[in-house]
């Protein structure tokens, strides 16, 4: 996982590493887009890695 900085100071995105293809793929943020605030990017990362698998 790596954060991506947008063109303005408040625009961020998130890319996930795909081990099968050794590439990064942009993740969709809770705002239903590829760019948002840093809080949106951290919310998505936390949702992907910190939630229980059964939820």
PDB file of N, CA and C in Angstrom:
ATOM      1  N   UNK A   1       0.851  -1.155   0.000  1.00  0.00           N
ATOM      2  CA  UNK A   1       0.000   0.000   0.000  1.00  0.00           C
ATOM      3  C   UNK A   1       0.907   1.231   0.000  1.00  0.00           C
ATOM      4  N   UNK A   2       0.514   2.218  -0.814  1.00  0.00           N
ATOM      5  CA  UNK A   2       1.270   3.469  -0.778  1.00  0.00           C
ATOM      6  C   UNK A   2       0.322   4.635  -1.034  1.00  0.00           C
ATOM      7  N   UNK A   3       0.536   5.713  -0.300  1.00  0.00           N
ATOM      8  CA  UNK A   3      -0.280   6.910  -0.536  1.00  0.00           C
ATOM      9  C   UNK A   3       0.189   7.610  -1.808  1.00  0.00           C
ATOM     10  N   UNK A   4      -0.739   8.260  -2.474  1.00  0.00           N
ATOM     11  CA  UNK A   4      -0.408   9.039  -3.669  1.00  0.00           C
ATOM     12  C   UNK A   4      -0.869  10.464  -3.458  1.00  0.00           C
ATOM     13  N   UNK A   5       0.043  11.389  -3.677  1.00  0.00           N
ATOM     14  CA  UNK A   5      -0.264  12.807  -3.510  1.00  0.00           C
ATOM     15  C   UNK A   5      -0.858  13.341  -4.800  1.00  0.00           C
ATOM     16  N   UNK A   6      -1.965  14.083  -4.690  1.00  0.00           N
ATOM     17  CA  UNK A   6      -2.595  14.677  -5.859  1.00  0.00           C
ATOM     18  C   UNK A   6      -1.952  15.998  -6.237  1.00  0.00           C
ATOM     19  N   UNK A   7      -2.594  16.730  -7.084  1.00  0.00           N
ATOM     20  CA  UNK A   7      -2.030  17.990  -7.567  1.00  0.00           C
ATOM     21  C   UNK A   7      -2.163  19.128  -6.568  1.00  0.00           C
ATOM     22  N   UNK A   8      -3.071  19.005  -5.611  1.00  0.00           N
ATOM     23  CA  UNK A   8      -3.194  20.044  -4.588  1.00  0.00           C
ATOM     24  C   UNK A   8      -2.836  19.457  -3.232  1.00  0.00           C
ATOM     25  N   UNK A   9      -2.628  20.313  -2.270  1.00  0.00           N
ATOM     26  CA  UNK A   9      -2.179  19.861  -0.947  1.00  0.00           C
ATOM     27  C   UNK A   9      -3.190  18.980  -0.245  1.00  0.00           C
ATOM     28  N   UNK A  10      -4.477  19.141  -0.548  1.00  0.00           N
ATOM     29  CA  UNK A  10      -5.498  18.362   0.138  1.00  0.00           C
ATOM     30  C   UNK A  10      -5.992  17.151  -0.614  1.00  0.00           C
ATOM     31  N   UNK A  11      -5.357  16.807  -1.735  1.00  0.00           N
ATOM     32  CA  UNK A  11      -5.815  15.684  -2.549  1.00  0.00           C
ATOM     33  C   UNK A  11      -4.856  14.508  -2.422  1.00  0.00           C
ATOM     34  N   UNK A  12      -5.405  13.374  -2.022  1.00  0.00           N
ATOM     35  CA  UNK A  12      -4.614  12.162  -1.829  1.00  0.00           C
ATOM     36  C   UNK A  12      -5.347  10.986  -2.439  1.00  0.00           C
ATOM     37  N   UNK A  13      -4.606   9.937  -2.693  1.00  0.00           N
ATOM     38  CA  UNK A  13      -5.156   8.688  -3.167  1.00  0.00           C
ATOM     39  C   UNK A  13      -4.432   7.544  -2.487  1.00  0.00           C
ATOM     40  N   UNK A  14      -4.780   6.345  -2.853  1.00  0.00           N
ATOM     41  CA  UNK A  14      -4.193   5.170  -2.233  1.00  0.00           C
ATOM     42  C   UNK A  14      -3.998   4.120  -3.311  1.00  0.00           C
ATOM     43  N   UNK A  15      -2.836   3.497  -3.339  1.00  0.00           N
ATOM     44  CA  UNK A  15      -2.559   2.428  -4.289  1.00  0.00           C
ATOM     45  C   UNK A  15      -2.189   1.175  -3.512  1.00  0.00           C
ATOM     46  N   UNK A  16      -2.718   0.049  -3.942  1.00  0.00           N
ATOM     47  CA  UNK A  16      -2.455  -1.231  -3.303  1.00  0.00           C
ATOM     48  C   UNK A  16      -1.497  -2.045  -4.157  1.00  0.00           C
ATOM     49  N   UNK A  17      -0.562  -2.732  -3.519  1.00  0.00           N
ATOM     50  CA  UNK A  17       0.412  -3.555  -4.230  1.00  0.00           C
ATOM     51  C   UNK A  17      -0.214  -4.900  -4.567  1.00  0.00           C
ATOM     52  N   UNK A  18      -0.105  -5.298  -5.825  1.00  0.00           N
ATOM     53  CA  UNK A  18      -0.585  -6.600  -6.268  1.00  0.00           C
ATOM     54  C   UNK A  18       0.621  -7.519  -6.427  1.00  0.00           C
ATOM     55  N   UNK A  19       0.753  -8.484  -5.528  1.00  0.00           N
ATOM     56  CA  UNK A  19       1.917  -9.362  -5.552  1.00  0.00           C
ATOM     57  C   UNK A  19       1.935 -10.239  -6.801  1.00  0.00           C
ATOM     58  N   UNK A  20       0.777 -10.539  -7.346  1.00  0.00           N
ATOM     59  CA  UNK A  20       0.717 -11.416  -8.511  1.00  0.00           C
ATOM     60  C   UNK A  20       1.291 -10.767  -9.765  1.00  0.00           C
ATOM     61  N   UNK A  21       1.230  -9.451  -9.855  1.00  0.00           N
ATOM     62  CA  UNK A  21       1.723  -8.784 -11.063  1.00  0.00           C
ATOM     63  C   UNK A  21       2.824  -7.763 -10.766  1.00  0.00           C
ATOM     64  N   UNK A  22       3.226  -7.634  -9.516  1.00  0.00           N
ATOM     65  CA  UNK A  22       4.265  -6.704  -9.079  1.00  0.00           C
ATOM     66  C   UNK A  22       3.939  -5.276  -9.538  1.00  0.00           C
ATOM     67  N   UNK A  23       2.705  -4.868  -9.396  1.00  0.00           N
ATOM     68  CA  UNK A  23       2.263  -3.527  -9.763  1.00  0.00           C
ATOM     69  C   UNK A  23       1.429  -2.937  -8.634  1.00  0.00           C
ATOM     70  N   UNK A  24       1.146  -1.665  -8.748  1.00  0.00           N
ATOM     71  CA  UNK A  24       0.240  -0.992  -7.837  1.00  0.00           C
ATOM     72  C   UNK A  24      -1.047  -0.678  -8.583  1.00  0.00           C
ATOM     73  N   UNK A  25      -2.177  -0.826  -7.893  1.00  0.00           N
ATOM     74  CA  UNK A  25      -3.475  -0.508  -8.479  1.00  0.00           C
ATOM     75  C   UNK A  25      -4.165   0.511  -7.584  1.00  0.00           C
ATOM     76  N   UNK A  26      -4.716   1.562  -8.194  1.00  0.00           N
ATOM     77  CA  UNK A  26      -5.414   2.586  -7.426  1.00  0.00           C
ATOM     78  C   UNK A  26      -6.625   1.994  -6.713  1.00  0.00           C
ATOM     79  N   UNK A  27      -6.829   2.411  -5.475  1.00  0.00           N
ATOM     80  CA  UNK A  27      -7.979   1.956  -4.691  1.00  0.00           C
ATOM     81  C   UNK A  27      -9.061   3.036  -4.717  1.00  0.00           C
ATOM     82  N   UNK A  28     -10.306   2.604  -4.712  1.00  0.00           N
ATOM     83  CA  UNK A  28     -11.422   3.540  -4.657  1.00  0.00           C
ATOM     84  C   UNK A  28     -11.634   3.938  -3.203  1.00  0.00           C
ATOM     85  N   UNK A  29     -11.689   5.244  -2.972  1.00  0.00           N
ATOM     86  CA  UNK A  29     -11.852   5.771  -1.620  1.00  0.00           C
ATOM     87  C   UNK A  29     -13.328   5.804  -1.234  1.00  0.00           C
ATOM     88  N   UNK A  30     -13.641   6.022   0.047  1.00  0.00           N
ATOM     89  CA  UNK A  30     -15.033   6.081   0.486  1.00  0.00           C
ATOM     90  C   UNK A  30     -15.853   7.170  -0.214  1.00  0.00           C
ATOM     91  N   UNK A  31     -15.190   8.107  -0.866  1.00  0.00           N
ATOM     92  CA  UNK A  31     -15.892   9.173  -1.595  1.00  0.00           C
ATOM     93  C   UNK A  31     -16.304   8.714  -2.988  1.00  0.00           C
ATOM     94  N   UNK A  32     -16.127   7.429  -3.293  1.00  0.00           N
ATOM     95  CA  UNK A  32     -16.454   6.827  -4.598  1.00  0.00           C
ATOM     96  C   UNK A  32     -15.587   7.360  -5.723  1.00  0.00           C
ATOM     97  N   UNK A  33     -14.374   7.701  -5.419  1.00  0.00           N
ATOM     98  CA  UNK A  33     -13.432   8.167  -6.430  1.00  0.00           C
ATOM     99  C   UNK A  33     -12.025   7.739  -6.077  1.00  0.00           C
ATOM    100  N   UNK A  34     -11.075   8.095  -6.921  1.00  0.00           N
ATOM    101  CA  UNK A  34      -9.691   7.726  -6.691  1.00  0.00           C
ATOM    102  C   UNK A  34      -8.914   8.787  -5.936  1.00  0.00           C
ATOM    103  N   UNK A  35      -9.513   9.932  -5.695  1.00  0.00           N
ATOM    104  CA  UNK A  35      -8.825  11.011  -4.986  1.00  0.00           C
ATOM    105  C   UNK A  35      -9.741  11.597  -3.925  1.00  0.00           C
ATOM    106  N   UNK A  36      -9.158  12.010  -2.824  1.00  0.00           N
ATOM    107  CA  UNK A  36      -9.909  12.609  -1.728  1.00  0.00           C
ATOM    108  C   UNK A  36      -8.935  13.206  -0.730  1.00  0.00           C
ATOM    109  N   UNK A  37      -9.409  13.425   0.461  1.00  0.00           N
ATOM    110  CA  UNK A  37      -8.541  13.975   1.500  1.00  0.00           C
ATOM    111  C   UNK A  37      -7.656  12.871   2.080  1.00  0.00           C
ATOM    112  N   UNK A  38      -6.660  13.286   2.833  1.00  0.00           N
ATOM    113  CA  UNK A  38      -5.790  12.292   3.478  1.00  0.00           C
ATOM    114  C   UNK A  38      -6.585  11.427   4.450  1.00  0.00           C
ATOM    115  N   UNK A  39      -7.615  11.987   5.074  1.00  0.00           N
ATOM    116  CA  UNK A  39      -8.458  11.212   5.988  1.00  0.00           C
ATOM    117  C   UNK A  39      -9.198  10.101   5.247  1.00  0.00           C
ATOM    118  N   UNK A  40      -9.671  10.373   4.033  1.00  0.00           N
ATOM    119  CA  UNK A  40     -10.350   9.341   3.250  1.00  0.00           C
ATOM    120  C   UNK A  40      -9.399   8.205   2.896  1.00  0.00           C
ATOM    121  N   UNK A  41      -8.169   8.555   2.525  1.00  0.00           N
ATOM    122  CA  UNK A  41      -7.179   7.528   2.188  1.00  0.00           C
ATOM    123  C   UNK A  41      -6.845   6.673   3.409  1.00  0.00           C
ATOM    124  N   UNK A  42      -6.688   7.296   4.574  1.00  0.00           N
ATOM    125  CA  UNK A  42      -6.397   6.534   5.792  1.00  0.00           C
ATOM    126  C   UNK A  42      -7.584   5.696   6.233  1.00  0.00           C
ATOM    127  N   UNK A  43      -8.800   6.196   6.035  1.00  0.00           N
ATOM    128  CA  UNK A  43      -9.997   5.407   6.351  1.00  0.00           C
ATOM    129  C   UNK A  43     -10.054   4.146   5.502  1.00  0.00           C
ATOM    130  N   UNK A  44      -9.739   4.256   4.222  1.00  0.00           N
ATOM    131  CA  UNK A  44      -9.749   3.094   3.333  1.00  0.00           C
ATOM    132  C   UNK A  44      -8.675   2.101   3.744  1.00  0.00           C
ATOM    133  N   UNK A  45      -7.470   2.587   4.046  1.00  0.00           N
ATOM    134  CA  UNK A  45      -6.384   1.701   4.456  1.00  0.00           C
ATOM    135  C   UNK A  45      -6.741   0.982   5.751  1.00  0.00           C
ATOM    136  N   UNK A  46      -7.309   1.702   6.706  1.00  0.00           N
ATOM    137  CA  UNK A  46      -7.724   1.077   7.959  1.00  0.00           C
ATOM    138  C   UNK A  46      -8.828   0.059   7.744  1.00  0.00           C
ATOM    139  N   UNK A  47      -9.754   0.363   6.865  1.00  0.00           N
ATOM    140  CA  UNK A  47     -10.834  -0.574   6.566  1.00  0.00           C
ATOM    141  C   UNK A  47     -10.342  -1.843   5.902  1.00  0.00           C
ATOM    142  N   UNK A  48      -9.291  -1.730   5.105  1.00  0.00           N
ATOM    143  CA  UNK A  48      -8.762  -2.907   4.416  1.00  0.00           C
ATOM    144  C   UNK A  48      -7.919  -3.787   5.326  1.00  0.00           C
ATOM    145  N   UNK A  49      -7.150  -3.178   6.222  1.00  0.00           N
ATOM    146  CA  UNK A  49      -6.181  -3.950   7.000  1.00  0.00           C
ATOM    147  C   UNK A  49      -6.533  -4.141   8.467  1.00  0.00           C
ATOM    148  N   UNK A  50      -7.477  -3.383   8.992  1.00  0.00           N
ATOM    149  CA  UNK A  50      -7.735  -3.469  10.428  1.00  0.00           C
ATOM    150  C   UNK A  50      -9.087  -4.064  10.792  1.00  0.00           C
ATOM    151  N   UNK A  51      -9.901  -4.413   9.820  1.00  0.00           N
ATOM    152  CA  UNK A  51     -11.200  -5.011  10.145  1.00  0.00           C
ATOM    153  C   UNK A  51     -11.065  -6.525  10.201  1.00  0.00           C
ATOM    154  N   UNK A  52     -11.952  -7.133  10.956  1.00  0.00           N
ATOM    155  CA  UNK A  52     -11.957  -8.589  11.085  1.00  0.00           C
ATOM    156  C   UNK A  52     -12.447  -9.207   9.769  1.00  0.00           C
ATOM    157  N   UNK A  53     -11.876 -10.318   9.328  1.00  0.00           N
ATOM    158  CA  UNK A  53     -12.260 -10.945   8.065  1.00  0.00           C
ATOM    159  C   UNK A  53     -13.730 -11.351   7.997  1.00  0.00           C
ATOM    160  N   UNK A  54     -14.336 -11.653   9.115  1.00  0.00           N
ATOM    161  CA  UNK A  54     -15.729 -12.108   9.119  1.00  0.00           C
ATOM    162  C   UNK A  54     -16.743 -10.995   9.054  1.00  0.00           C
ATOM    163  N   UNK A  55     -16.295  -9.737   9.118  1.00  0.00           N
ATOM    164  CA  UNK A  55     -17.253  -8.613   9.128  1.00  0.00           C
ATOM    165  C   UNK A  55     -17.609  -8.228   7.714  1.00  0.00           C
TER     166      UNK A  55
END
